[in-house]
Amino acid sequence: MAFERFTSSGYHPIGMDHFARDGDMLLNAARDGSLQRNFQGYSTHAGLDSVALGLSAISRIGTLYAQNTKDEADYLACLRAGHLPIRMGYRLNADDVIRADVIERIMCHEEVD
């Protein structure tokens, strides 16, 4: 029912769970095969590094992910001490990179080559 309502209102499906109208950058990327996805959602620039600020924020630099602490007191104490307020991190290995690529291709293009 929702799918029909969106499509009958001029929206086109993108990936698994998004919709956009003609002229939207995400729809253009879906049509030309350049649509990407990261942990924040669909994007036309998901491969770029991102440094996140704030409680529980997640940064990605290359194959490294780091999440800031979610505790405000810890966050502020780290900053006051001149340290990054990182709670945990993970570096993708070669197999992780392959899996991430396969998942992204399925979610963005509904196919794997």
C-alpha atoms as a PDB file:
ATOM      1  CA  MET A   1       0.000   0.000   0.000  1.00  0.00           C
ATOM      2  CA  ALA A   2       2.751   2.487   0.921  1.00  0.00           C
ATOM      3  CA  PHE A   3       4.796   1.499  -2.141  1.00  0.00           C
ATOM      4  CA  GLU A   4       1.812   2.172  -4.406  1.00  0.00           C
ATOM      5  CA  ARG A   5       1.127   5.500  -2.713  1.00  0.00           C
ATOM      6  CA  PHE A   6       4.724   6.668  -3.168  1.00  0.00           C
ATOM      7  CA  THR A   7       4.995   5.542  -6.785  1.00  0.00           C
ATOM      8  CA  SER A   8       1.581   6.955  -7.725  1.00  0.00           C
ATOM      9  CA  SER A   9       2.718  10.293  -6.250  1.00  0.00           C
ATOM     10  CA  GLY A  10       5.735  10.500  -8.555  1.00  0.00           C
ATOM     11  CA  TYR A  11       8.357   8.894  -6.343  1.00  0.00           C
ATOM     12  CA  HIS A  12      10.743   6.203  -7.607  1.00  0.00           C
ATOM     13  CA  PRO A  13      12.203   3.439  -5.413  1.00  0.00           C
ATOM     14  CA  ILE A  14      15.894   3.668  -4.586  1.00  0.00           C
ATOM     15  CA  GLY A  15      17.704   0.674  -3.176  1.00  0.00           C
ATOM     16  CA  MET A  16      15.840  -1.240  -0.517  1.00  0.00           C
ATOM     17  CA  ASP A  17      13.960   1.396   1.443  1.00  0.00           C
ATOM     18  CA  HIS A  18      14.153   4.907  -0.026  1.00  0.00           C
ATOM     19  CA  PHE A  19      12.196   6.887  -2.594  1.00  0.00           C
ATOM     20  CA  ALA A  20      12.999  10.044  -4.566  1.00  0.00           C
ATOM     21  CA  ARG A  21      11.486  12.225  -7.271  1.00  0.00           C
ATOM     22  CA  ASP A  22      12.869  12.902 -10.746  1.00  0.00           C
ATOM     23  CA  GLY A  23      15.882  15.207 -10.614  1.00  0.00           C
ATOM     24  CA  ASP A  24      17.011  14.056  -7.166  1.00  0.00           C
ATOM     25  CA  MET A  25      20.750  13.283  -6.924  1.00  0.00           C
ATOM     26  CA  LEU A  26      20.106   9.888  -5.340  1.00  0.00           C
ATOM     27  CA  LEU A  27      17.699   8.863  -8.090  1.00  0.00           C
ATOM     28  CA  ASN A  28      20.178   9.988 -10.753  1.00  0.00           C
ATOM     29  CA  ALA A  29      22.914   7.955  -9.028  1.00  0.00           C
ATOM     30  CA  ALA A  30      20.650   4.896  -8.829  1.00  0.00           C
ATOM     31  CA  ARG A  31      19.918   5.177 -12.538  1.00  0.00           C
ATOM     32  CA  ASP A  32      23.534   5.647 -13.635  1.00  0.00           C
ATOM     33  CA  GLY A  33      24.907   2.942 -11.311  1.00  0.00           C
ATOM     34  CA  SER A  34      26.872   5.240  -8.990  1.00  0.00           C
ATOM     35  CA  LEU A  35      24.591   4.991  -5.935  1.00  0.00           C
ATOM     36  CA  GLN A  36      26.490   4.150  -2.752  1.00  0.00           C
ATOM     37  CA  ARG A  37      25.552   3.358   0.825  1.00  0.00           C
ATOM     38  CA  ASN A  38      27.274   3.681   4.157  1.00  0.00           C
ATOM     39  CA  PHE A  39      26.109   3.258   7.744  1.00  0.00           C
ATOM     40  CA  GLN A  40      24.248   6.585   7.479  1.00  0.00           C
ATOM     41  CA  GLY A  41      22.190   5.638   4.431  1.00  0.00           C
ATOM     42  CA  TYR A  42      22.255   6.053   0.653  1.00  0.00           C
ATOM     43  CA  SER A  43      24.635   8.629  -0.775  1.00  0.00           C
ATOM     44  CA  THR A  44      26.381   9.880  -3.858  1.00  0.00           C
ATOM     45  CA  HIS A  45      29.625  10.293  -1.847  1.00  0.00           C
ATOM     46  CA  ALA A  46      29.602   7.410   0.653  1.00  0.00           C
ATOM     47  CA  GLY A  47      33.222   6.511  -0.057  1.00  0.00           C
ATOM     48  CA  LEU A  48      34.570   9.757   1.372  1.00  0.00           C
ATOM     49  CA  ASP A  49      36.215   9.845   4.769  1.00  0.00           C
ATOM     50  CA  SER A  50      34.054  11.328   7.506  1.00  0.00           C
ATOM     51  CA  VAL A  51      35.122  12.588  10.903  1.00  0.00           C
ATOM     52  CA  ALA A  52      32.189  12.742  13.283  1.00  0.00           C
ATOM     53  CA  LEU A  53      31.851  14.984  16.314  1.00  0.00           C
ATOM     54  CA  GLY A  54      29.651  14.496  19.344  1.00  0.00           C
ATOM     55  CA  LEU A  55      28.428  11.800  21.659  1.00  0.00           C
ATOM     56  CA  SER A  56      28.329   8.317  20.110  1.00  0.00           C
ATOM     57  CA  ALA A  57      29.312   9.733  16.689  1.00  0.00           C
ATOM     58  CA  ILE A  58      30.903   7.318  14.210  1.00  0.00           C
ATOM     59  CA  SER A  59      33.877   8.319  12.051  1.00  0.00           C
ATOM     60  CA  ARG A  60      35.161   6.465   9.012  1.00  0.00           C
ATOM     61  CA  ILE A  61      38.620   6.981   7.564  1.00  0.00           C
ATOM     62  CA  GLY A  62      39.501   4.470   4.883  1.00  0.00           C
ATOM     63  CA  THR A  63      38.864   1.052   6.384  1.00  0.00           C
ATOM     64  CA  LEU A  64      38.893   2.322   9.982  1.00  0.00           C
ATOM     65  CA  TYR A  65      35.704   2.954  11.942  1.00  0.00           C
ATOM     66  CA  ALA A  66      35.743   4.682  15.336  1.00  0.00           C
ATOM     67  CA  GLN A  67      32.865   5.483  17.644  1.00  0.00           C
ATOM     68  CA  ASN A  68      32.974   8.210  20.263  1.00  0.00           C
ATOM     69  CA  THR A  69      31.891   7.534  23.814  1.00  0.00           C
ATOM     70  CA  LYS A  70      28.206   8.003  24.511  1.00  0.00           C
ATOM     71  CA  ASP A  71      28.824   9.248  28.040  1.00  0.00           C
ATOM     72  CA  GLU A  72      28.951  13.050  28.214  1.00  0.00           C
ATOM     73  CA  ALA A  73      31.255  13.172  31.243  1.00  0.00           C
ATOM     74  CA  ASP A  74      33.753  10.793  29.586  1.00  0.00           C
ATOM     75  CA  TYR A  75      33.515  12.735  26.319  1.00  0.00           C
ATOM     76  CA  LEU A  76      34.290  16.061  28.001  1.00  0.00           C
ATOM     77  CA  ALA A  77      37.061  14.562  30.148  1.00  0.00           C
ATOM     78  CA  CYS A  78      38.787  13.197  27.039  1.00  0.00           C
ATOM     79  CA  LEU A  79      38.587  16.542  25.283  1.00  0.00           C
ATOM     80  CA  ARG A  80      39.895  18.423  28.336  1.00  0.00           C
ATOM     81  CA  ALA A  81      42.818  15.983  28.514  1.00  0.00           C
ATOM     82  CA  GLY A  82      43.594  16.544  24.833  1.00  0.00           C
ATOM     83  CA  HIS A  83      42.494  13.060  23.764  1.00  0.00           C
ATOM     84  CA  LEU A  84      40.020  11.931  21.165  1.00  0.00           C
ATOM     85  CA  PRO A  85      36.848  10.671  22.881  1.00  0.00           C
ATOM     86  CA  ILE A  86      36.892   7.339  21.042  1.00  0.00           C
ATOM     87  CA  ARG A  87      35.110   4.499  22.833  1.00  0.00           C
ATOM     88  CA  MET A  88      35.886   1.757  20.315  1.00  0.00           C
ATOM     89  CA  GLY A  89      37.249   1.221  16.850  1.00  0.00           C
ATOM     90  CA  TYR A  90      37.476  -1.401  14.151  1.00  0.00           C
ATOM     91  CA  ARG A  91      39.634  -1.744  11.057  1.00  0.00           C
ATOM     92  CA  LEU A  92      38.148  -3.771   8.197  1.00  0.00           C
ATOM     93  CA  ASN A  93      40.344  -6.605   6.985  1.00  0.00           C
ATOM     94  CA  ALA A  94      40.470  -7.723   3.339  1.00  0.00           C
ATOM     95  CA  ASP A  95      37.554 -10.142   3.781  1.00  0.00           C
ATOM     96  CA  ASP A  96      35.478  -7.445   5.504  1.00  0.00           C
ATOM     97  CA  VAL A  97      36.063  -5.109   2.548  1.00  0.00           C
ATOM     98  CA  ILE A  98      34.821  -7.778   0.113  1.00  0.00           C
ATOM     99  CA  ARG A  99      31.739  -8.459   2.236  1.00  0.00           C
ATOM    100  CA  ALA A 100      31.001  -4.734   2.542  1.00  0.00           C
ATOM    101  CA  ASP A 101      31.245  -4.337  -1.240  1.00  0.00           C
ATOM    102  CA  VAL A 102      28.886  -7.265  -1.865  1.00  0.00           C
ATOM    103  CA  ILE A 103      26.359  -5.936   0.660  1.00  0.00           C
ATOM    104  CA  GLU A 104      26.530  -2.429  -0.827  1.00  0.00           C
ATOM    105  CA  ARG A 105      25.992  -3.764  -4.363  1.00  0.00           C
ATOM    106  CA  ILE A 106      22.960  -5.761  -3.264  1.00  0.00           C
ATOM    107  CA  MET A 107      21.469  -2.856  -1.316  1.00  0.00           C
ATOM    108  CA  CYS A 108      22.139  -0.244  -4.008  1.00  0.00           C
ATOM    109  CA  HIS A 109      21.812  -2.161  -7.268  1.00  0.00           C
ATOM    110  CA  GLU A 110      20.096  -5.438  -6.343  1.00  0.00           C
ATOM    111  CA  GLU A 111      22.862  -7.401  -8.032  1.00  0.00           C
ATOM    112  CA  VAL A 112      26.433  -8.581  -7.581  1.00  0.00           C
ATOM    113  CA  ASP A 113      28.875  -8.969 -10.437  1.00  0.00           C
END
